[in-house]
All heavy atoms as atom14 arrays in JSON, in Angstrom:
{
  "sequence": "RLSQLLWATLHGLAKLTEEGLFSMANSLDDITDYALKRFEDSLTIT",
  "atom14_mask": [
    [1, 1, 1, 1, 1, 1, 1, 1, 1, 1, 1, 0, 0, 0],
    [1, 1, 1, 1, 1, 1, 1, 1, 0, 0, 0, 0, 0, 0],
    [1, 1, 1, 1, 1, 1, 0, 0, 0, 0, 0, 0, 0, 0],
    [1, 1, 1, 1, 1, 1, 1, 1, 1, 0, 0, 0, 0, 0],
    [1, 1, 1, 1, 1, 1, 1, 1, 0, 0, 0, 0, 0, 0],
    [1, 1, 1, 1, 1, 1, 1, 1, 0, 0, 0, 0, 0, 0],
    [1, 1, 1, 1, 1, 1, 1, 1, 1, 1, 1, 1, 1, 1],
    [1, 1, 1, 1, 1, 0, 0, 0, 0, 0, 0, 0, 0, 0],
    [1, 1, 1, 1, 1, 1, 1, 0, 0, 0, 0, 0, 0, 0],
    [1, 1, 1, 1, 1, 1, 1, 1, 0, 0, 0, 0, 0, 0],
    [1, 1, 1, 1, 1, 1, 1, 1, 1, 1, 0, 0, 0, 0],
    [1, 1, 1, 1, 0, 0, 0, 0, 0, 0, 0, 0, 0, 0],
    [1, 1, 1, 1, 1, 1, 1, 1, 0, 0, 0, 0, 0, 0],
    [1, 1, 1, 1, 1, 0, 0, 0, 0, 0, 0, 0, 0, 0],
    [1, 1, 1, 1, 1, 1, 1, 1, 1, 0, 0, 0, 0, 0],
    [1, 1, 1, 1, 1, 1, 1, 1, 0, 0, 0, 0, 0, 0],
    [1, 1, 1, 1, 1, 1, 1, 0, 0, 0, 0, 0, 0, 0],
    [1, 1, 1, 1, 1, 1, 1, 1, 1, 0, 0, 0, 0, 0],
    [1, 1, 1, 1, 1, 1, 1, 1, 1, 0, 0, 0, 0, 0],
    [1, 1, 1, 1, 0, 0, 0, 0, 0, 0, 0, 0, 0, 0],
    [1, 1, 1, 1, 1, 1, 1, 1, 0, 0, 0, 0, 0, 0],
    [1, 1, 1, 1, 1, 1, 1, 1, 1, 1, 1, 0, 0, 0],
    [1, 1, 1, 1, 1, 1, 0, 0, 0, 0, 0, 0, 0, 0],
    [1, 1, 1, 1, 1, 1, 1, 1, 0, 0, 0, 0, 0, 0],
    [1, 1, 1, 1, 1, 0, 0, 0, 0, 0, 0, 0, 0, 0],
    [1, 1, 1, 1, 1, 1, 1, 1, 0, 0, 0, 0, 0, 0],
    [1, 1, 1, 1, 1, 1, 0, 0, 0, 0, 0, 0, 0, 0],
    [1, 1, 1, 1, 1, 1, 1, 1, 0, 0, 0, 0, 0, 0],
    [1, 1, 1, 1, 1, 1, 1, 1, 0, 0, 0, 0, 0, 0],
    [1, 1, 1, 1, 1, 1, 1, 1, 0, 0, 0, 0, 0, 0],
    [1, 1, 1, 1, 1, 1, 1, 1, 0, 0, 0, 0, 0, 0],
    [1, 1, 1, 1, 1, 1, 1, 0, 0, 0, 0, 0, 0, 0],
    [1, 1, 1, 1, 1, 1, 1, 1, 0, 0, 0, 0, 0, 0],
    [1, 1, 1, 1, 1, 1, 1, 1, 1, 1, 1, 1, 0, 0],
    [1, 1, 1, 1, 1, 0, 0, 0, 0, 0, 0, 0, 0, 0],
    [1, 1, 1, 1, 1, 1, 1, 1, 0, 0, 0, 0, 0, 0],
    [1, 1, 1, 1, 1, 1, 1, 1, 1, 0, 0, 0, 0, 0],
    [1, 1, 1, 1, 1, 1, 1, 1, 1, 1, 1, 0, 0, 0],
    [1, 1, 1, 1, 1, 1, 1, 1, 1, 1, 1, 0, 0, 0],
    [1, 1, 1, 1, 1, 1, 1, 1, 1, 0, 0, 0, 0, 0],
    [1, 1, 1, 1, 1, 1, 1, 1, 0, 0, 0, 0, 0, 0],
    [1, 1, 1, 1, 1, 1, 0, 0, 0, 0, 0, 0, 0, 0],
    [1, 1, 1, 1, 1, 1, 1, 1, 0, 0, 0, 0, 0, 0],
    [1, 1, 1, 1, 1, 1, 1, 0, 0, 0, 0, 0, 0, 0],
    [1, 1, 1, 1, 1, 1, 1, 1, 0, 0, 0, 0, 0, 0],
    [1, 1, 1, 1, 1, 1, 1, 0, 0, 0, 0, 0, 0, 0]
  ],
  "atom14_positions": [
    [[-13.4, 9.51, -3.51], [-13.15, 8.8, -2.26], [-12.12, 7.68, -2.45], [-11.28, 7.44, -1.57], [-14.47, 8.21, -1.73], [-15.5, 9.26, -1.33], [-14.96, 10.2, -0.28], [-15.96, 11.19, 0.12], [-15.67, 12.43, 0.46], [-14.41, 12.84, 0.47], [-16.62, 13.27, 0.82], [0.0, 0.0, 0.0], [0.0, 0.0, 0.0], [0.0, 0.0, 0.0]],
    [[-12.17, 7.02, -3.59], [-11.17, 5.99, -3.86], [-9.77, 6.59, -3.93], [-8.81, 6.01, -3.43], [-11.5, 5.26, -5.16], [-12.74, 4.36, -5.14], [-13.02, 3.84, -6.55], [-12.55, 3.21, -4.17], [0.0, 0.0, 0.0], [0.0, 0.0, 0.0], [0.0, 0.0, 0.0], [0.0, 0.0, 0.0], [0.0, 0.0, 0.0], [0.0, 0.0, 0.0]],
    [[-9.67, 7.75, -4.55], [-8.37, 8.42, -4.65], [-7.87, 8.83, -3.28], [-6.67, 8.7, -2.98], [-8.5, 9.66, -5.55], [-8.93, 9.3, -6.85], [0.0, 0.0, 0.0], [0.0, 0.0, 0.0], [0.0, 0.0, 0.0], [0.0, 0.0, 0.0], [0.0, 0.0, 0.0], [0.0, 0.0, 0.0], [0.0, 0.0, 0.0], [0.0, 0.0, 0.0]],
    [[-8.76, 9.32, -2.44], [-8.37, 9.7, -1.08], [-7.91, 8.48, -0.29], [-6.92, 8.54, 0.45], [-9.55, 10.38, -0.39], [-9.87, 11.75, -0.98], [-11.18, 12.32, -0.45], [-12.09, 11.58, -0.08], [-11.29, 13.64, -0.43], [0.0, 0.0, 0.0], [0.0, 0.0, 0.0], [0.0, 0.0, 0.0], [0.0, 0.0, 0.0], [0.0, 0.0, 0.0]],
    [[-8.63, 7.36, -0.45], [-8.25, 6.13, 0.24], [-6.89, 5.64, -0.24], [-6.03, 5.24, 0.57], [-9.31, 5.06, 0.01], [-9.02, 3.68, 0.6], [-8.88, 3.74, 2.11], [-10.13, 2.69, 0.21], [0.0, 0.0, 0.0], [0.0, 0.0, 0.0], [0.0, 0.0, 0.0], [0.0, 0.0, 0.0], [0.0, 0.0, 0.0], [0.0, 0.0, 0.0]],
    [[-6.67, 5.68, -1.54], [-5.39, 5.23, -2.1], [-4.25, 6.11, -1.61], [-3.21, 5.61, -1.18], [-5.45, 5.25, -3.62], [-4.15, 4.87, -4.34], [-3.76, 3.43, -4.03], [-4.28, 5.08, -5.84], [0.0, 0.0, 0.0], [0.0, 0.0, 0.0], [0.0, 0.0, 0.0], [0.0, 0.0, 0.0], [0.0, 0.0, 0.0], [0.0, 0.0, 0.0]],
    [[-4.44, 7.43, -1.65], [-3.38, 8.34, -1.25], [-3.05, 8.16, 0.24], [-1.9, 8.18, 0.65], [-3.75, 9.79, -1.54], [-2.54, 10.69, -1.66], [-1.39, 10.6, -0.95], [-2.37, 11.77, -2.56], [-0.5, 11.58, -1.34], [-1.08, 12.31, -2.33], [-3.17, 12.36, -3.54], [-0.59, 13.41, -3.03], [-2.67, 13.45, -4.23], [-1.4, 13.96, -3.98]],
    [[-4.1, 7.96, 1.05], [-3.86, 7.73, 2.47], [-3.06, 6.46, 2.69], [-2.16, 6.4, 3.55], [-5.2, 7.65, 3.21], [0.0, 0.0, 0.0], [0.0, 0.0, 0.0], [0.0, 0.0, 0.0], [0.0, 0.0, 0.0], [0.0, 0.0, 0.0], [0.0, 0.0, 0.0], [0.0, 0.0, 0.0], [0.0, 0.0, 0.0], [0.0, 0.0, 0.0]],
    [[-3.35, 5.43, 1.92], [-2.61, 4.17, 2.02], [-1.15, 4.37, 1.62], [-0.23, 3.9, 2.31], [-3.24, 3.1, 1.13], [-4.61, 2.9, 1.52], [-2.49, 1.77, 1.22], [0.0, 0.0, 0.0], [0.0, 0.0, 0.0], [0.0, 0.0, 0.0], [0.0, 0.0, 0.0], [0.0, 0.0, 0.0], [0.0, 0.0, 0.0], [0.0, 0.0, 0.0]],
    [[-0.94, 5.06, 0.52], [0.43, 5.31, 0.04], [1.22, 6.15, 1.05], [2.39, 5.86, 1.32], [0.4, 6.03, -1.31], [-0.18, 5.25, -2.49], [-0.19, 6.11, -3.75], [0.61, 3.98, -2.72], [0.0, 0.0, 0.0], [0.0, 0.0, 0.0], [0.0, 0.0, 0.0], [0.0, 0.0, 0.0], [0.0, 0.0, 0.0], [0.0, 0.0, 0.0]],
    [[0.56, 7.15, 1.6], [1.24, 8.01, 2.57], [1.62, 7.21, 3.81], [2.74, 7.36, 4.34], [0.34, 9.18, 2.95], [1.01, 10.19, 3.82], [2.05, 10.97, 3.39], [0.79, 10.54, 5.12], [2.45, 11.78, 4.37], [1.7, 11.52, 5.44], [0.0, 0.0, 0.0], [0.0, 0.0, 0.0], [0.0, 0.0, 0.0], [0.0, 0.0, 0.0]],
    [[0.73, 6.35, 4.24], [1.04, 5.51, 5.39], [2.2, 4.58, 5.13], [3.1, 4.43, 5.98], [0.0, 0.0, 0.0], [0.0, 0.0, 0.0], [0.0, 0.0, 0.0], [0.0, 0.0, 0.0], [0.0, 0.0, 0.0], [0.0, 0.0, 0.0], [0.0, 0.0, 0.0], [0.0, 0.0, 0.0], [0.0, 0.0, 0.0], [0.0, 0.0, 0.0]],
    [[2.23, 3.96, 3.98], [3.34, 3.06, 3.62], [4.65, 3.83, 3.54], [5.7, 3.36, 4.0], [3.05, 2.38, 2.29], [1.97, 1.28, 2.3], [1.66, 0.83, 0.88], [2.42, 0.09, 3.15], [0.0, 0.0, 0.0], [0.0, 0.0, 0.0], [0.0, 0.0, 0.0], [0.0, 0.0, 0.0], [0.0, 0.0, 0.0], [0.0, 0.0, 0.0]],
    [[4.59, 5.03, 2.95], [5.81, 5.84, 2.83], [6.36, 6.22, 4.2], [7.57, 6.14, 4.44], [5.51, 7.09, 2.0], [0.0, 0.0, 0.0], [0.0, 0.0, 0.0], [0.0, 0.0, 0.0], [0.0, 0.0, 0.0], [0.0, 0.0, 0.0], [0.0, 0.0, 0.0], [0.0, 0.0, 0.0], [0.0, 0.0, 0.0], [0.0, 0.0, 0.0]],
    [[5.48, 6.64, 5.1], [5.93, 7.06, 6.42], [6.44, 5.89, 7.26], [7.43, 6.02, 7.98], [4.78, 7.77, 7.15], [4.38, 9.09, 6.53], [5.53, 10.08, 6.5], [5.96, 10.49, 7.89], [7.1, 11.46, 7.85], [0.0, 0.0, 0.0], [0.0, 0.0, 0.0], [0.0, 0.0, 0.0], [0.0, 0.0, 0.0], [0.0, 0.0, 0.0]],
    [[5.76, 4.74, 7.16], [6.22, 3.57, 7.9], [7.6, 3.12, 7.4], [8.45, 2.7, 8.19], [5.22, 2.43, 7.75], [3.9, 2.6, 8.52], [2.89, 1.54, 8.11], [4.13, 2.55, 10.03], [0.0, 0.0, 0.0], [0.0, 0.0, 0.0], [0.0, 0.0, 0.0], [0.0, 0.0, 0.0], [0.0, 0.0, 0.0], [0.0, 0.0, 0.0]],
    [[7.8, 3.23, 6.11], [9.11, 2.88, 5.55], [10.18, 3.87, 6.01], [11.29, 3.48, 6.39], [9.04, 2.87, 4.01], [8.06, 1.93, 3.59], [10.39, 2.49, 3.41], [0.0, 0.0, 0.0], [0.0, 0.0, 0.0], [0.0, 0.0, 0.0], [0.0, 0.0, 0.0], [0.0, 0.0, 0.0], [0.0, 0.0, 0.0], [0.0, 0.0, 0.0]],
    [[9.83, 5.15, 6.02], [10.78, 6.18, 6.47], [11.18, 5.97, 7.93], [12.33, 6.19, 8.31], [10.13, 7.56, 6.31], [11.03, 8.71, 6.75], [10.33, 10.05, 6.69], [9.33, 10.16, 5.96], [10.77, 10.98, 7.4], [0.0, 0.0, 0.0], [0.0, 0.0, 0.0], [0.0, 0.0, 0.0], [0.0, 0.0, 0.0], [0.0, 0.0, 0.0]],
    [[10.23, 5.5, 8.73], [10.5, 5.28, 10.15], [11.22, 3.96, 10.42], [11.56, 3.65, 11.56], [9.18, 5.31, 10.95], [8.47, 6.65, 10.92], [9.28, 7.76, 11.56], [10.05, 7.46, 12.5], [9.17, 8.92, 11.11], [0.0, 0.0, 0.0], [0.0, 0.0, 0.0], [0.0, 0.0, 0.0], [0.0, 0.0, 0.0], [0.0, 0.0, 0.0]],
    [[11.44, 3.18, 9.36], [12.22, 1.96, 9.51], [11.42, 0.71, 9.77], [11.99, -0.36, 10.02], [0.0, 0.0, 0.0], [0.0, 0.0, 0.0], [0.0, 0.0, 0.0], [0.0, 0.0, 0.0], [0.0, 0.0, 0.0], [0.0, 0.0, 0.0], [0.0, 0.0, 0.0], [0.0, 0.0, 0.0], [0.0, 0.0, 0.0], [0.0, 0.0, 0.0]],
    [[10.09, 0.78, 9.72], [9.29, -0.4, 9.99], [9.35, -1.41, 8.84], [9.16, -2.61, 9.04], [7.83, -0.03, 10.26], [7.54, 0.38, 11.73], [8.12, 1.73, 12.04], [6.05, 0.35, 12.02], [0.0, 0.0, 0.0], [0.0, 0.0, 0.0], [0.0, 0.0, 0.0], [0.0, 0.0, 0.0], [0.0, 0.0, 0.0], [0.0, 0.0, 0.0]],
    [[9.57, -0.9, 7.63], [9.79, -1.78, 6.48], [11.21, -1.53, 5.99], [11.44, -0.83, 5.03], [8.79, -1.5, 5.35], [7.35, -1.65, 5.76], [6.4, -0.72, 5.36], [6.95, -2.71, 6.55], [5.08, -0.85, 5.73], [5.63, -2.85, 6.93], [4.68, -1.92, 6.52], [0.0, 0.0, 0.0], [0.0, 0.0, 0.0], [0.0, 0.0, 0.0]],
    [[12.17, -2.11, 6.67], [13.57, -1.8, 6.38], [14.08, -2.54, 5.15], [15.05, -2.12, 4.52], [14.46, -2.15, 7.58], [14.3, -3.51, 7.94], [0.0, 0.0, 0.0], [0.0, 0.0, 0.0], [0.0, 0.0, 0.0], [0.0, 0.0, 0.0], [0.0, 0.0, 0.0], [0.0, 0.0, 0.0], [0.0, 0.0, 0.0], [0.0, 0.0, 0.0]],
    [[13.44, -3.64, 4.81], [13.86, -4.42, 3.64], [13.03, -4.01, 2.43], [11.8, -3.88, 2.51], [13.7, -5.91, 3.9], [14.49, -6.43, 5.09], [16.28, -6.31, 4.83], [16.49, -7.55, 3.54], [0.0, 0.0, 0.0], [0.0, 0.0, 0.0], [0.0, 0.0, 0.0], [0.0, 0.0, 0.0], [0.0, 0.0, 0.0], [0.0, 0.0, 0.0]],
    [[13.7, -3.83, 1.29], [13.0, -3.41, 0.08], [11.93, -4.4, -0.33], [10.84, -4.03, -0.76], [14.0, -3.21, -1.05], [0.0, 0.0, 0.0], [0.0, 0.0, 0.0], [0.0, 0.0, 0.0], [0.0, 0.0, 0.0], [0.0, 0.0, 0.0], [0.0, 0.0, 0.0], [0.0, 0.0, 0.0], [0.0, 0.0, 0.0], [0.0, 0.0, 0.0]],
    [[12.25, -5.7, -0.16], [11.27, -6.7, -0.58], [10.04, -6.69, 0.32], [8.94, -7.05, -0.09], [11.9, -8.09, -0.62], [12.4, -8.54, 0.74], [12.74, -7.73, 1.58], [12.47, -9.85, 0.94], [0.0, 0.0, 0.0], [0.0, 0.0, 0.0], [0.0, 0.0, 0.0], [0.0, 0.0, 0.0], [0.0, 0.0, 0.0], [0.0, 0.0, 0.0]],
    [[10.19, -6.25, 1.58], [9.05, -6.14, 2.48], [8.06, -5.1, 1.96], [6.85, -5.32, 1.96], [9.5, -5.77, 3.89], [10.32, -6.78, 4.44], [0.0, 0.0, 0.0], [0.0, 0.0, 0.0], [0.0, 0.0, 0.0], [0.0, 0.0, 0.0], [0.0, 0.0, 0.0], [0.0, 0.0, 0.0], [0.0, 0.0, 0.0], [0.0, 0.0, 0.0]],
    [[8.58, -3.95, 1.54], [7.72, -2.91, 1.01], [7.08, -3.37, -0.3], [5.89, -3.13, -0.52], [8.51, -1.62, 0.77], [7.71, -0.46, 0.18], [6.57, -0.06, 1.1], [8.63, 0.74, -0.1], [0.0, 0.0, 0.0], [0.0, 0.0, 0.0], [0.0, 0.0, 0.0], [0.0, 0.0, 0.0], [0.0, 0.0, 0.0], [0.0, 0.0, 0.0]],
    [[7.85, -4.03, -1.16], [7.29, -4.53, -2.41], [6.16, -5.51, -2.15], [5.1, -5.45, -2.79], [8.39, -5.21, -3.25], [9.37, -4.21, -3.83], [9.02, -3.01, -3.92], [10.49, -4.62, -4.19], [0.0, 0.0, 0.0], [0.0, 0.0, 0.0], [0.0, 0.0, 0.0], [0.0, 0.0, 0.0], [0.0, 0.0, 0.0], [0.0, 0.0, 0.0]],
    [[6.37, -6.41, -1.2], [5.35, -7.42, -0.9], [4.08, -6.8, -0.38], [2.97, -7.14, -0.81], [5.9, -8.44, 0.12], [6.94, -9.36, -0.49], [7.06, -9.39, -1.73], [7.65, -10.04, 0.29], [0.0, 0.0, 0.0], [0.0, 0.0, 0.0], [0.0, 0.0, 0.0], [0.0, 0.0, 0.0], [0.0, 0.0, 0.0], [0.0, 0.0, 0.0]],
    [[4.21, -5.88, 0.58], [3.01, -5.28, 1.16], [2.32, -4.35, 0.16], [1.09, -4.23, 0.16], [3.32, -4.53, 2.48], [2.02, -4.28, 3.24], [4.08, -3.24, 2.23], [2.23, -3.78, 4.65], [0.0, 0.0, 0.0], [0.0, 0.0, 0.0], [0.0, 0.0, 0.0], [0.0, 0.0, 0.0], [0.0, 0.0, 0.0], [0.0, 0.0, 0.0]],
    [[3.1, -3.71, -0.72], [2.5, -2.88, -1.75], [1.69, -3.73, -2.72], [0.55, -3.39, -3.08], [3.58, -2.09, -2.53], [4.32, -1.29, -1.61], [2.95, -1.2, -3.59], [0.0, 0.0, 0.0], [0.0, 0.0, 0.0], [0.0, 0.0, 0.0], [0.0, 0.0, 0.0], [0.0, 0.0, 0.0], [0.0, 0.0, 0.0], [0.0, 0.0, 0.0]],
    [[2.27, -4.85, -3.14], [1.55, -5.76, -4.04], [0.28, -6.29, -3.38], [-0.78, -6.4, -4.0], [2.45, -6.92, -4.46], [3.55, -6.5, -5.41], [3.39, -5.45, -6.07], [4.57, -7.21, -5.49], [0.0, 0.0, 0.0], [0.0, 0.0, 0.0], [0.0, 0.0, 0.0], [0.0, 0.0, 0.0], [0.0, 0.0, 0.0], [0.0, 0.0, 0.0]],
    [[0.41, -6.62, -2.08], [-0.74, -7.15, -1.35], [-1.83, -6.09, -1.23], [-3.03, -6.38, -1.42], [-0.31, -7.62, 0.03], [-1.38, -8.36, 0.79], [-1.67, -9.69, 0.52], [-2.12, -7.71, 1.79], [-2.66, -10.36, 1.22], [-3.1, -8.37, 2.49], [-3.38, -9.7, 2.2], [-4.36, -10.36, 2.89], [0.0, 0.0, 0.0], [0.0, 0.0, 0.0]],
    [[-1.43, -4.87, -0.91], [-2.4, -3.78, -0.78], [-3.1, -3.51, -2.11], [-4.32, -3.3, -2.16], [-1.71, -2.51, -0.28], [0.0, 0.0, 0.0], [0.0, 0.0, 0.0], [0.0, 0.0, 0.0], [0.0, 0.0, 0.0], [0.0, 0.0, 0.0], [0.0, 0.0, 0.0], [0.0, 0.0, 0.0], [0.0, 0.0, 0.0], [0.0, 0.0, 0.0]],
    [[-2.33, -3.53, -3.19], [-2.93, -3.33, -4.51], [-3.93, -4.43, -4.85], [-5.01, -4.16, -5.38], [-1.82, -3.28, -5.58], [-1.18, -1.92, -5.85], [0.06, -2.08, -6.71], [-2.17, -0.97, -6.52], [0.0, 0.0, 0.0], [0.0, 0.0, 0.0], [0.0, 0.0, 0.0], [0.0, 0.0, 0.0], [0.0, 0.0, 0.0], [0.0, 0.0, 0.0]],
    [[-3.55, -5.66, -4.54], [-4.45, -6.78, -4.83], [-5.75, -6.65, -4.04], [-6.84, -6.81, -4.59], [-3.74, -8.09, -4.47], [-4.56, -9.34, -4.79], [-4.75, -9.48, -6.3], [-5.3, -10.86, -6.69], [-6.59, -11.19, -6.06], [0.0, 0.0, 0.0], [0.0, 0.0, 0.0], [0.0, 0.0, 0.0], [0.0, 0.0, 0.0], [0.0, 0.0, 0.0]],
    [[-5.66, -6.34, -2.75], [-6.85, -6.17, -1.95], [-7.68, -4.99, -2.44], [-8.91, -5.01, -2.44], [-6.46, -5.97, -0.48], [-5.85, -7.19, 0.19], [-6.79, -8.38, 0.16], [-8.01, -8.13, 0.93], [-8.16, -8.45, 2.21], [-7.18, -9.06, 2.86], [-9.29, -8.18, 2.83], [0.0, 0.0, 0.0], [0.0, 0.0, 0.0], [0.0, 0.0, 0.0]],
    [[-6.98, -3.94, -2.85], [-7.65, -2.76, -3.35], [-8.43, -3.1, -4.62], [-9.6, -2.74, -4.76], [-6.61, -1.67, -3.63], [-7.17, -0.28, -3.65], [-7.35, 0.43, -2.48], [-7.49, 0.33, -4.85], [-7.87, 1.72, -2.49], [-7.99, 1.62, -4.87], [-8.19, 2.32, -3.69], [0.0, 0.0, 0.0], [0.0, 0.0, 0.0], [0.0, 0.0, 0.0]],
    [[-7.78, -3.81, -5.52], [-8.42, -4.18, -6.77], [-9.6, -5.12, -6.53], [-10.67, -4.97, -7.14], [-7.4, -4.82, -7.71], [-6.32, -3.86, -8.17], [-5.12, -4.57, -8.8], [-5.23, -5.79, -9.02], [-4.11, -3.9, -9.03], [0.0, 0.0, 0.0], [0.0, 0.0, 0.0], [0.0, 0.0, 0.0], [0.0, 0.0, 0.0], [0.0, 0.0, 0.0]],
    [[-9.43, -6.09, -5.64], [-10.5, -7.03, -5.35], [-11.72, -6.33, -4.76], [-12.87, -6.63, -5.11], [-10.02, -8.11, -4.38], [-9.04, -9.07, -5.03], [-8.93, -9.07, -6.28], [-8.36, -9.81, -4.3], [0.0, 0.0, 0.0], [0.0, 0.0, 0.0], [0.0, 0.0, 0.0], [0.0, 0.0, 0.0], [0.0, 0.0, 0.0], [0.0, 0.0, 0.0]],
    [[-11.45, -5.39, -3.85], [-12.55, -4.7, -3.2], [-13.31, -3.8, -4.17], [-14.49, -3.48, -3.94], [-12.05, -3.88, -2.02], [-11.25, -2.79, -2.47], [0.0, 0.0, 0.0], [0.0, 0.0, 0.0], [0.0, 0.0, 0.0], [0.0, 0.0, 0.0], [0.0, 0.0, 0.0], [0.0, 0.0, 0.0], [0.0, 0.0, 0.0], [0.0, 0.0, 0.0]],
    [[-12.64, -3.4, -5.24], [-13.28, -2.52, -6.23], [-13.98, -3.32, -7.32], [-14.55, -2.73, -8.22], [-12.25, -1.59, -6.86], [-11.53, -0.64, -5.91], [-10.48, 0.17, -6.65], [-12.54, 0.28, -5.23], [0.0, 0.0, 0.0], [0.0, 0.0, 0.0], [0.0, 0.0, 0.0], [0.0, 0.0, 0.0], [0.0, 0.0, 0.0], [0.0, 0.0, 0.0]],
    [[-13.89, -4.62, -7.24], [-14.5, -5.52, -8.25], [-14.03, -5.17, -9.66], [-14.82, -5.12, -10.59], [-16.04, -5.49, -8.19], [-16.52, -4.19, -8.54], [-16.54, -5.89, -6.83], [0.0, 0.0, 0.0], [0.0, 0.0, 0.0], [0.0, 0.0, 0.0], [0.0, 0.0, 0.0], [0.0, 0.0, 0.0], [0.0, 0.0, 0.0], [0.0, 0.0, 0.0]],
    [[-12.74, -4.91, -9.78], [-12.17, -4.67, -11.11], [-12.19, -5.98, -11.86], [-11.73, -7.01, -11.38], [-10.74, -4.12, -11.0], [-10.78, -2.72, -10.37], [-10.06, -4.03, -12.36], [-9.43, -2.1, -10.15], [0.0, 0.0, 0.0], [0.0, 0.0, 0.0], [0.0, 0.0, 0.0], [0.0, 0.0, 0.0], [0.0, 0.0, 0.0], [0.0, 0.0, 0.0]],
    [[-12.68, -5.94, -13.08], [-12.87, -7.16, -13.83], [-11.87, -7.34, -14.95], [-11.95, -8.26, -15.73], [-14.28, -7.2, -14.43], [-14.47, -6.04, -15.26], [-15.33, -7.18, -13.31], [0.0, 0.0, 0.0], [0.0, 0.0, 0.0], [0.0, 0.0, 0.0], [0.0, 0.0, 0.0], [0.0, 0.0, 0.0], [0.0, 0.0, 0.0], [0.0, 0.0, 0.0]]
  ]
}
């Protein structure tokens, strides 16, 4: 389920970027880092 959630998140980010919603490279980097951080926090990775 975690893998499915991660892949769905990645696919959504990829498609939003393709459609031009994240036109700046740093915008995608920032939201990717943020998503990873939230993902890690929610999984209680120690």
